[in-house]
Amino acid sequence: MTIMIVDDNERIRHVIRNLLSSVTTSFYECENGVEAVHAYANVAPDWVLMDIQMEGIDGITATKQIMEQDPDANVIIVTGYGDTAFRNAATKAGAKGFILKENIVEITKLLQPN
C-alpha cells in the first residue's frame, strides 16, 4: 500500500509515517496541495492523507482536483480544523474521511481493509 502524506508541517508527516509504519513502508510526501496534485498520477497512491491549510492550493481544492483526475481516489482529510463547514467542504470535494489531528491514531482504523 502506498500512502501520500500532504502536510506543510514536517513533524506531522513524520508522526503519520511512524503511526502507519506497521501498515506500509511506502510513503510519498508533499508539502502542499500543488505538489500533491502534480504528483498524484505518477505516484498512484492507495490513500492520500491531506491537510487543509497549506500554501498554494489548500487541501480542499487539492482533493477536488485529485478527484477530477481519479474519481476512485481515496483521500482522507487530516486537519486541526473540525468545524462543520470544513467537514462539509471535504465531503463535497470527495474526501472519504475526515480526521482531526488531535485524534490522528484514528487513521489506522480508516485504512484497515474491510
PDB file of N, CA and C in Angstrom:
ATOM      1  N   MET A   1       0.845  -1.175   0.000  1.00  0.00           N
ATOM      2  CA  MET A   1       0.000   0.000   0.000  1.00  0.00           C
ATOM      3  C   MET A   1       0.893   1.240   0.000  1.00  0.00           C
ATOM      4  N   THR A   2       0.576   2.180  -0.864  1.00  0.00           N
ATOM      5  CA  THR A   2       1.308   3.442  -0.930  1.00  0.00           C
ATOM      6  C   THR A   2       0.423   4.552  -0.357  1.00  0.00           C
ATOM      7  N   ILE A   3       1.005   5.324   0.525  1.00  0.00           N
ATOM      8  CA  ILE A   3       0.290   6.415   1.174  1.00  0.00           C
ATOM      9  C   ILE A   3       0.987   7.728   0.854  1.00  0.00           C
ATOM     10  N   MET A   4       0.222   8.682   0.324  1.00  0.00           N
ATOM     11  CA  MET A   4       0.737  10.025   0.075  1.00  0.00           C
ATOM     12  C   MET A   4       0.330  10.902   1.259  1.00  0.00           C
ATOM     13  N   ILE A   5       1.315  11.498   1.904  1.00  0.00           N
ATOM     14  CA  ILE A   5       1.065  12.397   3.040  1.00  0.00           C
ATOM     15  C   ILE A   5       1.268  13.824   2.542  1.00  0.00           C
ATOM     16  N   VAL A   6       0.228  14.631   2.672  1.00  0.00           N
ATOM     17  CA  VAL A   6       0.283  16.014   2.199  1.00  0.00           C
ATOM     18  C   VAL A   6       0.065  16.934   3.396  1.00  0.00           C
ATOM     19  N   ASP A   7       1.150  17.534   3.853  1.00  0.00           N
ATOM     20  CA  ASP A   7       1.085  18.432   5.010  1.00  0.00           C
ATOM     21  C   ASP A   7       2.297  19.336   4.976  1.00  0.00           C
ATOM     22  N   ASP A   8       2.108  20.606   5.270  1.00  0.00           N
ATOM     23  CA  ASP A   8       3.220  21.550   5.254  1.00  0.00           C
ATOM     24  C   ASP A   8       4.093  21.460   6.502  1.00  0.00           C
ATOM     25  N   ASN A   9       3.675  20.670   7.471  1.00  0.00           N
ATOM     26  CA  ASN A   9       4.428  20.515   8.715  1.00  0.00           C
ATOM     27  C   ASN A   9       5.189  19.186   8.681  1.00  0.00           C
ATOM     28  N   GLU A  10       6.512  19.276   8.604  1.00  0.00           N
ATOM     29  CA  GLU A  10       7.345  18.071   8.520  1.00  0.00           C
ATOM     30  C   GLU A  10       7.152  17.163   9.737  1.00  0.00           C
ATOM     31  N   ARG A  11       6.953  17.762  10.894  1.00  0.00           N
ATOM     32  CA  ARG A  11       6.759  16.968  12.117  1.00  0.00           C
ATOM     33  C   ARG A  11       5.492  16.115  12.013  1.00  0.00           C
ATOM     34  N   ILE A  12       4.418  16.678  11.483  1.00  0.00           N
ATOM     35  CA  ILE A  12       3.176  15.914  11.316  1.00  0.00           C
ATOM     36  C   ILE A  12       3.385  14.784  10.320  1.00  0.00           C
ATOM     37  N   ARG A  13       4.093  15.049   9.225  1.00  0.00           N
ATOM     38  CA  ARG A  13       4.371  13.986   8.251  1.00  0.00           C
ATOM     39  C   ARG A  13       5.145  12.854   8.917  1.00  0.00           C
ATOM     40  N   HIS A  14       6.099  13.208   9.763  1.00  0.00           N
ATOM     41  CA  HIS A  14       6.896  12.212  10.486  1.00  0.00           C
ATOM     42  C   HIS A  14       6.009  11.388  11.432  1.00  0.00           C
ATOM     43  N   VAL A  15       5.127  12.052  12.164  1.00  0.00           N
ATOM     44  CA  VAL A  15       4.216  11.364  13.085  1.00  0.00           C
ATOM     45  C   VAL A  15       3.336  10.368  12.311  1.00  0.00           C
ATOM     46  N   ILE A  16       2.809  10.797  11.185  1.00  0.00           N
ATOM     47  CA  ILE A  16       1.952   9.914  10.382  1.00  0.00           C
ATOM     48  C   ILE A  16       2.748   8.722   9.855  1.00  0.00           C
ATOM     49  N   ARG A  17       3.958   8.973   9.348  1.00  0.00           N
ATOM     50  CA  ARG A  17       4.816   7.867   8.881  1.00  0.00           C
ATOM     51  C   ARG A  17       5.044   6.852   9.993  1.00  0.00           C
ATOM     52  N   ASN A  18       5.392   7.337  11.185  1.00  0.00           N
ATOM     53  CA  ASN A  18       5.633   6.428  12.308  1.00  0.00           C
ATOM     54  C   ASN A  18       4.372   5.667  12.691  1.00  0.00           C
ATOM     55  N   LEU A  19       3.247   6.357  12.711  1.00  0.00           N
ATOM     56  CA  LEU A  19       1.978   5.736  13.072  1.00  0.00           C
ATOM     57  C   LEU A  19       1.603   4.619  12.109  1.00  0.00           C
ATOM     58  N   LEU A  20       1.902   4.810  10.833  1.00  0.00           N
ATOM     59  CA  LEU A  20       1.473   3.849   9.820  1.00  0.00           C
ATOM     60  C   LEU A  20       2.580   2.912   9.345  1.00  0.00           C
ATOM     61  N   SER A  21       3.718   2.947   9.998  1.00  0.00           N
ATOM     62  CA  SER A  21       4.838   2.107   9.569  1.00  0.00           C
ATOM     63  C   SER A  21       4.544   0.615   9.675  1.00  0.00           C
ATOM     64  N   SER A  22       3.581   0.224  10.498  1.00  0.00           N
ATOM     65  CA  SER A  22       3.216  -1.192  10.575  1.00  0.00           C
ATOM     66  C   SER A  22       2.254  -1.591   9.456  1.00  0.00           C
ATOM     67  N   VAL A  23       1.645  -0.607   8.808  1.00  0.00           N
ATOM     68  CA  VAL A  23       0.692  -0.862   7.733  1.00  0.00           C
ATOM     69  C   VAL A  23       1.407  -0.869   6.380  1.00  0.00           C
ATOM     70  N   THR A  24       2.381   0.030   6.219  1.00  0.00           N
ATOM     71  CA  THR A  24       3.116   0.136   4.959  1.00  0.00           C
ATOM     72  C   THR A  24       4.460   0.814   5.187  1.00  0.00           C
ATOM     73  N   THR A  25       5.356   0.599   4.259  1.00  0.00           N
ATOM     74  CA  THR A  25       6.628   1.315   4.282  1.00  0.00           C
ATOM     75  C   THR A  25       6.759   2.186   3.035  1.00  0.00           C
ATOM     76  N   SER A  26       5.692   2.243   2.252  1.00  0.00           N
ATOM     77  CA  SER A  26       5.710   3.003   1.013  1.00  0.00           C
ATOM     78  C   SER A  26       4.961   4.320   1.200  1.00  0.00           C
ATOM     79  N   PHE A  27       5.741   5.380   1.390  1.00  0.00           N
ATOM     80  CA  PHE A  27       5.184   6.710   1.609  1.00  0.00           C
ATOM     81  C   PHE A  27       5.706   7.666   0.541  1.00  0.00           C
ATOM     82  N   TYR A  28       4.879   8.620   0.194  1.00  0.00           N
ATOM     83  CA  TYR A  28       5.294   9.716  -0.667  1.00  0.00           C
ATOM     84  C   TYR A  28       4.813  10.980   0.033  1.00  0.00           C
ATOM     85  N   GLU A  29       5.702  11.939   0.208  1.00  0.00           N
ATOM     86  CA  GLU A  29       5.352  13.137   0.957  1.00  0.00           C
ATOM     87  C   GLU A  29       5.330  14.377   0.080  1.00  0.00           C
ATOM     88  N   CYS A  30       4.341  15.226   0.348  1.00  0.00           N
ATOM     89  CA  CYS A  30       4.210  16.519  -0.332  1.00  0.00           C
ATOM     90  C   CYS A  30       4.025  17.586   0.735  1.00  0.00           C
ATOM     91  N   GLU A  31       4.574  18.766   0.472  1.00  0.00           N
ATOM     92  CA  GLU A  31       4.459  19.877   1.417  1.00  0.00           C
ATOM     93  C   GLU A  31       3.220  20.717   1.190  1.00  0.00           C
ATOM     94  N   ASN A  32       2.543  20.539   0.051  1.00  0.00           N
ATOM     95  CA  ASN A  32       1.363  21.355  -0.228  1.00  0.00           C
ATOM     96  C   ASN A  32       0.498  20.696  -1.295  1.00  0.00           C
ATOM     97  N   GLY A  33      -0.652  21.295  -1.514  1.00  0.00           N
ATOM     98  CA  GLY A  33      -1.597  20.753  -2.475  1.00  0.00           C
ATOM     99  C   GLY A  33      -1.106  20.793  -3.907  1.00  0.00           C
ATOM    100  N   VAL A  34      -0.316  21.796  -4.258  1.00  0.00           N
ATOM    101  CA  VAL A  34       0.227  21.891  -5.614  1.00  0.00           C
ATOM    102  C   VAL A  34       1.067  20.655  -5.911  1.00  0.00           C
ATOM    103  N   GLU A  35       1.989  20.323  -5.003  1.00  0.00           N
ATOM    104  CA  GLU A  35       2.828  19.143  -5.183  1.00  0.00           C
ATOM    105  C   GLU A  35       1.978  17.877  -5.284  1.00  0.00           C
ATOM    106  N   ALA A  36       0.981  17.773  -4.434  1.00  0.00           N
ATOM    107  CA  ALA A  36       0.142  16.571  -4.406  1.00  0.00           C
ATOM    108  C   ALA A  36      -0.612  16.379  -5.719  1.00  0.00           C
ATOM    109  N   VAL A  37      -1.214  17.435  -6.225  1.00  0.00           N
ATOM    110  CA  VAL A  37      -1.971  17.342  -7.478  1.00  0.00           C
ATOM    111  C   VAL A  37      -1.049  16.938  -8.624  1.00  0.00           C
ATOM    112  N   HIS A  38       0.137  17.520  -8.674  1.00  0.00           N
ATOM    113  CA  HIS A  38       1.079  17.205  -9.755  1.00  0.00           C
ATOM    114  C   HIS A  38       1.642  15.787  -9.628  1.00  0.00           C
ATOM    115  N   ALA A  39       1.854  15.318  -8.419  1.00  0.00           N
ATOM    116  CA  ALA A  39       2.472  14.007  -8.218  1.00  0.00           C
ATOM    117  C   ALA A  39       1.481  12.851  -8.232  1.00  0.00           C
ATOM    118  N   TYR A  40       0.216  13.128  -8.023  1.00  0.00           N
ATOM    119  CA  TYR A  40      -0.766  12.057  -7.823  1.00  0.00           C
ATOM    120  C   TYR A  40      -0.751  11.000  -8.925  1.00  0.00           C
ATOM    121  N   ALA A  41      -0.809  11.382 -10.179  1.00  0.00           N
ATOM    122  CA  ALA A  41      -0.880  10.407 -11.274  1.00  0.00           C
ATOM    123  C   ALA A  41       0.367   9.534 -11.335  1.00  0.00           C
ATOM    124  N   ASN A  42       1.538  10.113 -11.069  1.00  0.00           N
ATOM    125  CA  ASN A  42       2.781   9.332 -11.123  1.00  0.00           C
ATOM    126  C   ASN A  42       2.934   8.405  -9.921  1.00  0.00           C
ATOM    127  N   VAL A  43       2.498   8.866  -8.769  1.00  0.00           N
ATOM    128  CA  VAL A  43       2.651   8.075  -7.541  1.00  0.00           C
ATOM    129  C   VAL A  43       1.571   6.996  -7.455  1.00  0.00           C
ATOM    130  N   ALA A  44       0.367   7.313  -7.885  1.00  0.00           N
ATOM    131  CA  ALA A  44      -0.794   6.409  -7.823  1.00  0.00           C
ATOM    132  C   ALA A  44      -0.948   5.805  -6.421  1.00  0.00           C
ATOM    133  N   PRO A  45      -1.087   6.660  -5.397  1.00  0.00           N
ATOM    134  CA  PRO A  45      -1.187   6.139  -4.033  1.00  0.00           C
ATOM    135  C   PRO A  45      -2.529   5.455  -3.789  1.00  0.00           C
ATOM    136  N   ASP A  46      -2.504   4.525  -2.851  1.00  0.00           N
ATOM    137  CA  ASP A  46      -3.747   3.879  -2.430  1.00  0.00           C
ATOM    138  C   ASP A  46      -4.569   4.835  -1.574  1.00  0.00           C
ATOM    139  N   TRP A  47      -3.886   5.661  -0.792  1.00  0.00           N
ATOM    140  CA  TRP A  47      -4.536   6.634   0.092  1.00  0.00           C
ATOM    141  C   TRP A  47      -3.766   7.940   0.053  1.00  0.00           C
ATOM    142  N   VAL A  48      -4.498   9.041   0.155  1.00  0.00           N
ATOM    143  CA  VAL A  48      -3.912  10.373   0.308  1.00  0.00           C
ATOM    144  C   VAL A  48      -4.398  10.918   1.642  1.00  0.00           C
ATOM    145  N   LEU A  49      -3.470  11.320   2.486  1.00  0.00           N
ATOM    146  CA  LEU A  49      -3.790  11.935   3.770  1.00  0.00           C
ATOM    147  C   LEU A  49      -3.486  13.418   3.626  1.00  0.00           C
ATOM    148  N   MET A  50      -4.527  14.238   3.587  1.00  0.00           N
ATOM    149  CA  MET A  50      -4.434  15.633   3.154  1.00  0.00           C
ATOM    150  C   MET A  50      -4.761  16.620   4.268  1.00  0.00           C
ATOM    151  N   ASP A  51      -3.826  17.529   4.524  1.00  0.00           N
ATOM    152  CA  ASP A  51      -4.082  18.653   5.421  1.00  0.00           C
ATOM    153  C   ASP A  51      -4.978  19.658   4.687  1.00  0.00           C
ATOM    154  N   ILE A  52      -5.572  20.588   5.415  1.00  0.00           N
ATOM    155  CA  ILE A  52      -6.414  21.603   4.772  1.00  0.00           C
ATOM    156  C   ILE A  52      -5.636  22.892   4.526  1.00  0.00           C
ATOM    157  N   GLN A  53      -5.065  23.473   5.560  1.00  0.00           N
ATOM    158  CA  GLN A  53      -4.419  24.781   5.457  1.00  0.00           C
ATOM    159  C   GLN A  53      -2.975  24.624   4.991  1.00  0.00           C
ATOM    160  N   MET A  54      -2.705  25.008   3.736  1.00  0.00           N
ATOM    161  CA  MET A  54      -1.358  24.944   3.174  1.00  0.00           C
ATOM    162  C   MET A  54      -1.190  26.077   2.179  1.00  0.00           C
ATOM    163  N   GLU A  55       0.047  26.434   1.907  1.00  0.00           N
ATOM    164  CA  GLU A  55       0.357  27.455   0.904  1.00  0.00           C
ATOM    165  C   GLU A  55      -0.001  26.934  -0.483  1.00  0.00           C
ATOM    166  N   GLY A  56      -0.261  27.849  -1.394  1.00  0.00           N
ATOM    167  CA  GLY A  56      -0.550  27.471  -2.774  1.00  0.00           C
ATOM    168  C   GLY A  56      -1.996  27.006  -2.897  1.00  0.00           C
ATOM    169  N   ILE A  57      -2.166  25.716  -3.045  1.00  0.00           N
ATOM    170  CA  ILE A  57      -3.506  25.134  -3.133  1.00  0.00           C
ATOM    171  C   ILE A  57      -3.824  24.493  -1.784  1.00  0.00           C
ATOM    172  N   ASP A  58      -4.963  24.869  -1.209  1.00  0.00           N
ATOM    173  CA  ASP A  58      -5.356  24.274   0.074  1.00  0.00           C
ATOM    174  C   ASP A  58      -5.809  22.825  -0.145  1.00  0.00           C
ATOM    175  N   GLY A  59      -5.974  22.100   0.937  1.00  0.00           N
ATOM    176  CA  GLY A  59      -6.306  20.683   0.872  1.00  0.00           C
ATOM    177  C   GLY A  59      -7.665  20.373   0.281  1.00  0.00           C
ATOM    178  N   ILE A  60      -8.634  21.237   0.474  1.00  0.00           N
ATOM    179  CA  ILE A  60      -9.963  21.016  -0.101  1.00  0.00           C
ATOM    180  C   ILE A  60      -9.887  21.124  -1.625  1.00  0.00           C
ATOM    181  N   THR A  61      -9.237  22.171  -2.106  1.00  0.00           N
ATOM    182  CA  THR A  61      -9.079  22.360  -3.553  1.00  0.00           C
ATOM    183  C   THR A  61      -8.249  21.232  -4.155  1.00  0.00           C
ATOM    184  N   ALA A  62      -7.167  20.851  -3.491  1.00  0.00           N
ATOM    185  CA  ALA A  62      -6.327  19.758  -3.981  1.00  0.00           C
ATOM    186  C   ALA A  62      -7.115  18.446  -4.029  1.00  0.00           C
ATOM    187  N   THR A  63      -7.940  18.208  -3.015  1.00  0.00           N
ATOM    188  CA  THR A  63      -8.767  16.998  -3.009  1.00  0.00           C
ATOM    189  C   THR A  63      -9.695  16.997  -4.216  1.00  0.00           C
ATOM    190  N   LYS A  64     -10.333  18.115  -4.464  1.00  0.00           N
ATOM    191  CA  LYS A  64     -11.243  18.224  -5.613  1.00  0.00           C
ATOM    192  C   LYS A  64     -10.493  17.952  -6.916  1.00  0.00           C
ATOM    193  N   GLN A  65      -9.300  18.517  -7.062  1.00  0.00           N
ATOM    194  CA  GLN A  65      -8.527  18.331  -8.293  1.00  0.00           C
ATOM    195  C   GLN A  65      -8.051  16.891  -8.451  1.00  0.00           C
ATOM    196  N   ILE A  66      -7.675  16.255  -7.353  1.00  0.00           N
ATOM    197  CA  ILE A  66      -7.290  14.843  -7.415  1.00  0.00           C
ATOM    198  C   ILE A  66      -8.489  13.985  -7.797  1.00  0.00           C
ATOM    199  N   MET A  67      -9.648  14.279  -7.231  1.00  0.00           N
ATOM    200  CA  MET A  67     -10.860  13.521  -7.562  1.00  0.00           C
ATOM    201  C   MET A  67     -11.257  13.709  -9.027  1.00  0.00           C
ATOM    202  N   GLU A  68     -10.963  14.871  -9.594  1.00  0.00           N
ATOM    203  CA  GLU A  68     -11.217  15.092 -11.015  1.00  0.00           C
ATOM    204  C   GLU A  68     -10.297  14.223 -11.865  1.00  0.00           C
ATOM    205  N   GLN A  69      -9.049  14.022 -11.407  1.00  0.00           N
ATOM    206  CA  GLN A  69      -8.103  13.143 -12.103  1.00  0.00           C
ATOM    207  C   GLN A  69      -8.513  11.688 -11.975  1.00  0.00           C
ATOM    208  N   ASP A  70      -8.957  11.322 -10.770  1.00  0.00           N
ATOM    209  CA  ASP A  70      -9.259   9.925 -10.454  1.00  0.00           C
ATOM    210  C   ASP A  70     -10.457   9.869  -9.517  1.00  0.00           C
ATOM    211  N   PRO A  71     -11.651   9.666 -10.059  1.00  0.00           N
ATOM    212  CA  PRO A  71     -12.854   9.624  -9.220  1.00  0.00           C
ATOM    213  C   PRO A  71     -12.838   8.518  -8.156  1.00  0.00           C
ATOM    214  N   ASP A  72     -11.939   7.545  -8.301  1.00  0.00           N
ATOM    215  CA  ASP A  72     -11.835   6.463  -7.317  1.00  0.00           C
ATOM    216  C   ASP A  72     -10.753   6.720  -6.270  1.00  0.00           C
ATOM    217  N   ALA A  73     -10.165   7.908  -6.284  1.00  0.00           N
ATOM    218  CA  ALA A  73      -9.103   8.229  -5.320  1.00  0.00           C
ATOM    219  C   ALA A  73      -9.640   8.149  -3.890  1.00  0.00           C
ATOM    220  N   ASN A  74      -8.763   7.761  -2.992  1.00  0.00           N
ATOM    221  CA  ASN A  74      -9.092   7.662  -1.564  1.00  0.00           C
ATOM    222  C   ASN A  74      -8.353   8.762  -0.812  1.00  0.00           C
ATOM    223  N   VAL A  75      -9.077   9.815  -0.487  1.00  0.00           N
ATOM    224  CA  VAL A  75      -8.492  10.953   0.222  1.00  0.00           C
ATOM    225  C   VAL A  75      -9.132  11.051   1.597  1.00  0.00           C
ATOM    226  N   ILE A  76      -8.287  11.178   2.595  1.00  0.00           N
ATOM    227  CA  ILE A  76      -8.733  11.428   3.963  1.00  0.00           C
ATOM    228  C   ILE A  76      -8.164  12.781   4.377  1.00  0.00           C
ATOM    229  N   ILE A  77      -9.024  13.660   4.836  1.00  0.00           N
ATOM    230  CA  ILE A  77      -8.574  14.956   5.347  1.00  0.00           C
ATOM    231  C   ILE A  77      -8.078  14.752   6.779  1.00  0.00           C
ATOM    232  N   VAL A  78      -6.863  15.241   7.040  1.00  0.00           N
ATOM    233  CA  VAL A  78      -6.269  15.174   8.378  1.00  0.00           C
ATOM    234  C   VAL A  78      -5.938  16.617   8.762  1.00  0.00           C
ATOM    235  N   THR A  79      -6.696  17.165   9.711  1.00  0.00           N
ATOM    236  CA  THR A  79      -6.611  18.603   9.970  1.00  0.00           C
ATOM    237  C   THR A  79      -6.822  18.957  11.432  1.00  0.00           C
ATOM    238  N   GLY A  80      -6.484  20.154  11.764  1.00  0.00           N
ATOM    239  CA  GLY A  80      -6.761  20.690  13.094  1.00  0.00           C
ATOM    240  C   GLY A  80      -8.063  21.468  13.129  1.00  0.00           C
ATOM    241  N   TYR A  81      -8.725  21.598  11.984  1.00  0.00           N
ATOM    242  CA  TYR A  81      -9.952  22.379  11.873  1.00  0.00           C
ATOM    243  C   TYR A  81     -11.152  21.452  11.777  1.00  0.00           C
ATOM    244  N   GLY A  82     -11.934  21.369  12.836  1.00  0.00           N
ATOM    245  CA  GLY A  82     -13.027  20.409  12.879  1.00  0.00           C
ATOM    246  C   GLY A  82     -14.407  20.973  12.689  1.00  0.00           C
ATOM    247  N   ASP A  83     -14.524  22.229  12.287  1.00  0.00           N
ATOM    248  CA  ASP A  83     -15.871  22.785  12.194  1.00  0.00           C
ATOM    249  C   ASP A  83     -16.650  22.184  11.019  1.00  0.00           C
ATOM    250  N   THR A  84     -17.950  22.328  11.097  1.00  0.00           N
ATOM    251  CA  THR A  84     -18.861  21.723  10.138  1.00  0.00           C
ATOM    252  C   THR A  84     -18.608  22.195   8.713  1.00  0.00           C
ATOM    253  N   ALA A  85     -18.266  23.448   8.534  1.00  0.00           N
ATOM    254  CA  ALA A  85     -18.027  23.980   7.186  1.00  0.00           C
ATOM    255  C   ALA A  85     -16.874  23.243   6.502  1.00  0.00           C
ATOM    256  N   PHE A  86     -15.791  22.984   7.237  1.00  0.00           N
ATOM    257  CA  PHE A  86     -14.666  22.243   6.665  1.00  0.00           C
ATOM    258  C   PHE A  86     -15.062  20.800   6.362  1.00  0.00           C
ATOM    259  N   ARG A  87     -15.788  20.169   7.267  1.00  0.00           N
ATOM    260  CA  ARG A  87     -16.238  18.787   7.037  1.00  0.00           C
ATOM    261  C   ARG A  87     -17.116  18.700   5.799  1.00  0.00           C
ATOM    262  N   ASN A  88     -18.052  19.631   5.666  1.00  0.00           N
ATOM    263  CA  ASN A  88     -18.938  19.635   4.503  1.00  0.00           C
ATOM    264  C   ASN A  88     -18.165  19.880   3.212  1.00  0.00           C
ATOM    265  N   ALA A  89     -17.220  20.809   3.255  1.00  0.00           N
ATOM    266  CA  ALA A  89     -16.412  21.107   2.073  1.00  0.00           C
ATOM    267  C   ALA A  89     -15.568  19.898   1.673  1.00  0.00           C
ATOM    268  N   ALA A  90     -15.022  19.195   2.661  1.00  0.00           N
ATOM    269  CA  ALA A  90     -14.220  17.998   2.388  1.00  0.00           C
ATOM    270  C   ALA A  90     -15.068  16.912   1.737  1.00  0.00           C
ATOM    271  N   THR A  91     -16.252  16.697   2.267  1.00  0.00           N
ATOM    272  CA  THR A  91     -17.160  15.693   1.705  1.00  0.00           C
ATOM    273  C   THR A  91     -17.555  16.069   0.285  1.00  0.00           C
ATOM    274  N   LYS A  92     -17.880  17.330   0.087  1.00  0.00           N
ATOM    275  CA  LYS A  92     -18.272  17.806  -1.243  1.00  0.00           C
ATOM    276  C   LYS A  92     -17.127  17.656  -2.242  1.00  0.00           C
ATOM    277  N   ALA A  93     -15.897  17.843  -1.789  1.00  0.00           N
ATOM    278  CA  ALA A  93     -14.725  17.698  -2.655  1.00  0.00           C
ATOM    279  C   ALA A  93     -14.432  16.239  -2.995  1.00  0.00           C
ATOM    280  N   GLY A  94     -14.990  15.306  -2.203  1.00  0.00           N
ATOM    281  CA  GLY A  94     -14.798  13.889  -2.492  1.00  0.00           C
ATOM    282  C   GLY A  94     -14.011  13.112  -1.461  1.00  0.00           C
ATOM    283  N   ALA A  95     -13.643  13.748  -0.356  1.00  0.00           N
ATOM    284  CA  ALA A  95     -12.881  13.044   0.679  1.00  0.00           C
ATOM    285  C   ALA A  95     -13.685  11.883   1.246  1.00  0.00           C
ATOM    286  N   LYS A  96     -12.991  10.778   1.502  1.00  0.00           N
ATOM    287  CA  LYS A  96     -13.623   9.573   2.048  1.00  0.00           C
ATOM    288  C   LYS A  96     -13.645   9.566   3.576  1.00  0.00           C
ATOM    289  N   GLY A  97     -12.909  10.511   4.184  1.00  0.00           N
ATOM    290  CA  GLY A  97     -12.849  10.576   5.640  1.00  0.00           C
ATOM    291  C   GLY A  97     -12.338  11.923   6.097  1.00  0.00           C
ATOM    292  N   PHE A  98     -12.508  12.182   7.381  1.00  0.00           N
ATOM    293  CA  PHE A  98     -12.124  13.458   7.974  1.00  0.00           C
ATOM    294  C   PHE A  98     -11.661  13.161   9.391  1.00  0.00           C
ATOM    295  N   ILE A  99     -10.392  13.414   9.672  1.00  0.00           N
ATOM    296  CA  ILE A  99      -9.819  13.115  10.982  1.00  0.00           C
ATOM    297  C   ILE A  99      -9.148  14.364  11.538  1.00  0.00           C
ATOM    298  N   LEU A 100      -9.432  14.647  12.797  1.00  0.00           N
ATOM    299  CA  LEU A 100      -8.745  15.747  13.461  1.00  0.00           C
ATOM    300  C   LEU A 100      -7.351  15.293  13.881  1.00  0.00           C
ATOM    301  N   LYS A 101      -6.383  16.178  13.782  1.00  0.00           N
ATOM    302  CA  LYS A 101      -5.011  15.822  14.152  1.00  0.00           C
ATOM    303  C   LYS A 101      -4.919  15.395  15.608  1.00  0.00           C
ATOM    304  N   GLU A 102      -5.791  15.922  16.455  1.00  0.00           N
ATOM    305  CA  GLU A 102      -5.769  15.512  17.864  1.00  0.00           C
ATOM    306  C   GLU A 102      -6.192  14.048  18.030  1.00  0.00           C
ATOM    307  N   ASN A 103      -6.852  13.484  17.023  1.00  0.00           N
ATOM    308  CA  ASN A 103      -7.268  12.073  17.026  1.00  0.00           C
ATOM    309  C   ASN A 103      -6.569  11.301  15.912  1.00  0.00           C
ATOM    310  N   ILE A 104      -5.327  11.649  15.632  1.00  0.00           N
ATOM    311  CA  ILE A 104      -4.617  11.130  14.467  1.00  0.00           C
ATOM    312  C   ILE A 104      -4.516   9.602  14.439  1.00  0.00           C
ATOM    313  N   VAL A 105      -4.565   8.960  15.593  1.00  0.00           N
ATOM    314  CA  VAL A 105      -4.498   7.487  15.609  1.00  0.00           C
ATOM    315  C   VAL A 105      -5.693   6.850  14.907  1.00  0.00           C
ATOM    316  N   GLU A 106      -6.768   7.609  14.712  1.00  0.00           N
ATOM    317  CA  GLU A 106      -7.955   7.102  14.013  1.00  0.00           C
ATOM    318  C   GLU A 106      -7.651   6.753  12.553  1.00  0.00           C
ATOM    319  N   ILE A 107      -6.560   7.284  12.017  1.00  0.00           N
ATOM    320  CA  ILE A 107      -6.197   6.974  10.629  1.00  0.00           C
ATOM    321  C   ILE A 107      -6.067   5.471  10.443  1.00  0.00           C
ATOM    322  N   THR A 108      -5.475   4.799  11.406  1.00  0.00           N
ATOM    323  CA  THR A 108      -5.261   3.357  11.260  1.00  0.00           C
ATOM    324  C   THR A 108      -6.574   2.607  11.075  1.00  0.00           C
ATOM    325  N   LYS A 109      -7.638   3.058  11.707  1.00  0.00           N
ATOM    326  CA  LYS A 109      -8.945   2.410  11.557  1.00  0.00           C
ATOM    327  C   LYS A 109      -9.502   2.588  10.149  1.00  0.00           C
ATOM    328  N   LEU A 110      -9.332   3.773   9.598  1.00  0.00           N
ATOM    329  CA  LEU A 110      -9.845   4.029   8.249  1.00  0.00           C
ATOM    330  C   LEU A 110      -9.083   3.278   7.169  1.00  0.00           C
ATOM    331  N   LEU A 111      -7.813   2.980   7.426  1.00  0.00           N
ATOM    332  CA  LEU A 111      -7.001   2.304   6.428  1.00  0.00           C
ATOM    333  C   LEU A 111      -7.076   0.781   6.507  1.00  0.00           C
ATOM    334  N   GLN A 112      -7.794   0.264   7.485  1.00  0.00           N
ATOM    335  CA  GLN A 112      -7.927  -1.191   7.608  1.00  0.00           C
ATOM    336  C   GLN A 112      -8.789  -1.714   6.468  1.00  0.00           C
ATOM    337  N   PRO A 113      -8.393  -2.846   5.866  1.00  0.00           N
ATOM    338  CA  PRO A 113      -9.232  -3.429   4.820  1.00  0.00           C
ATOM    339  C   PRO A 113     -10.552  -3.897   5.410  1.00  0.00           C
ATOM    340  N   ASN A 114     -11.620  -3.724   4.656  1.00  0.00           N
ATOM    341  CA  ASN A 114     -12.954  -4.134   5.124  1.00  0.00           C
ATOM    342  C   ASN A 114     -13.159  -5.613   4.948  1.00  0.00           C
TER     343      ASN A 114
END
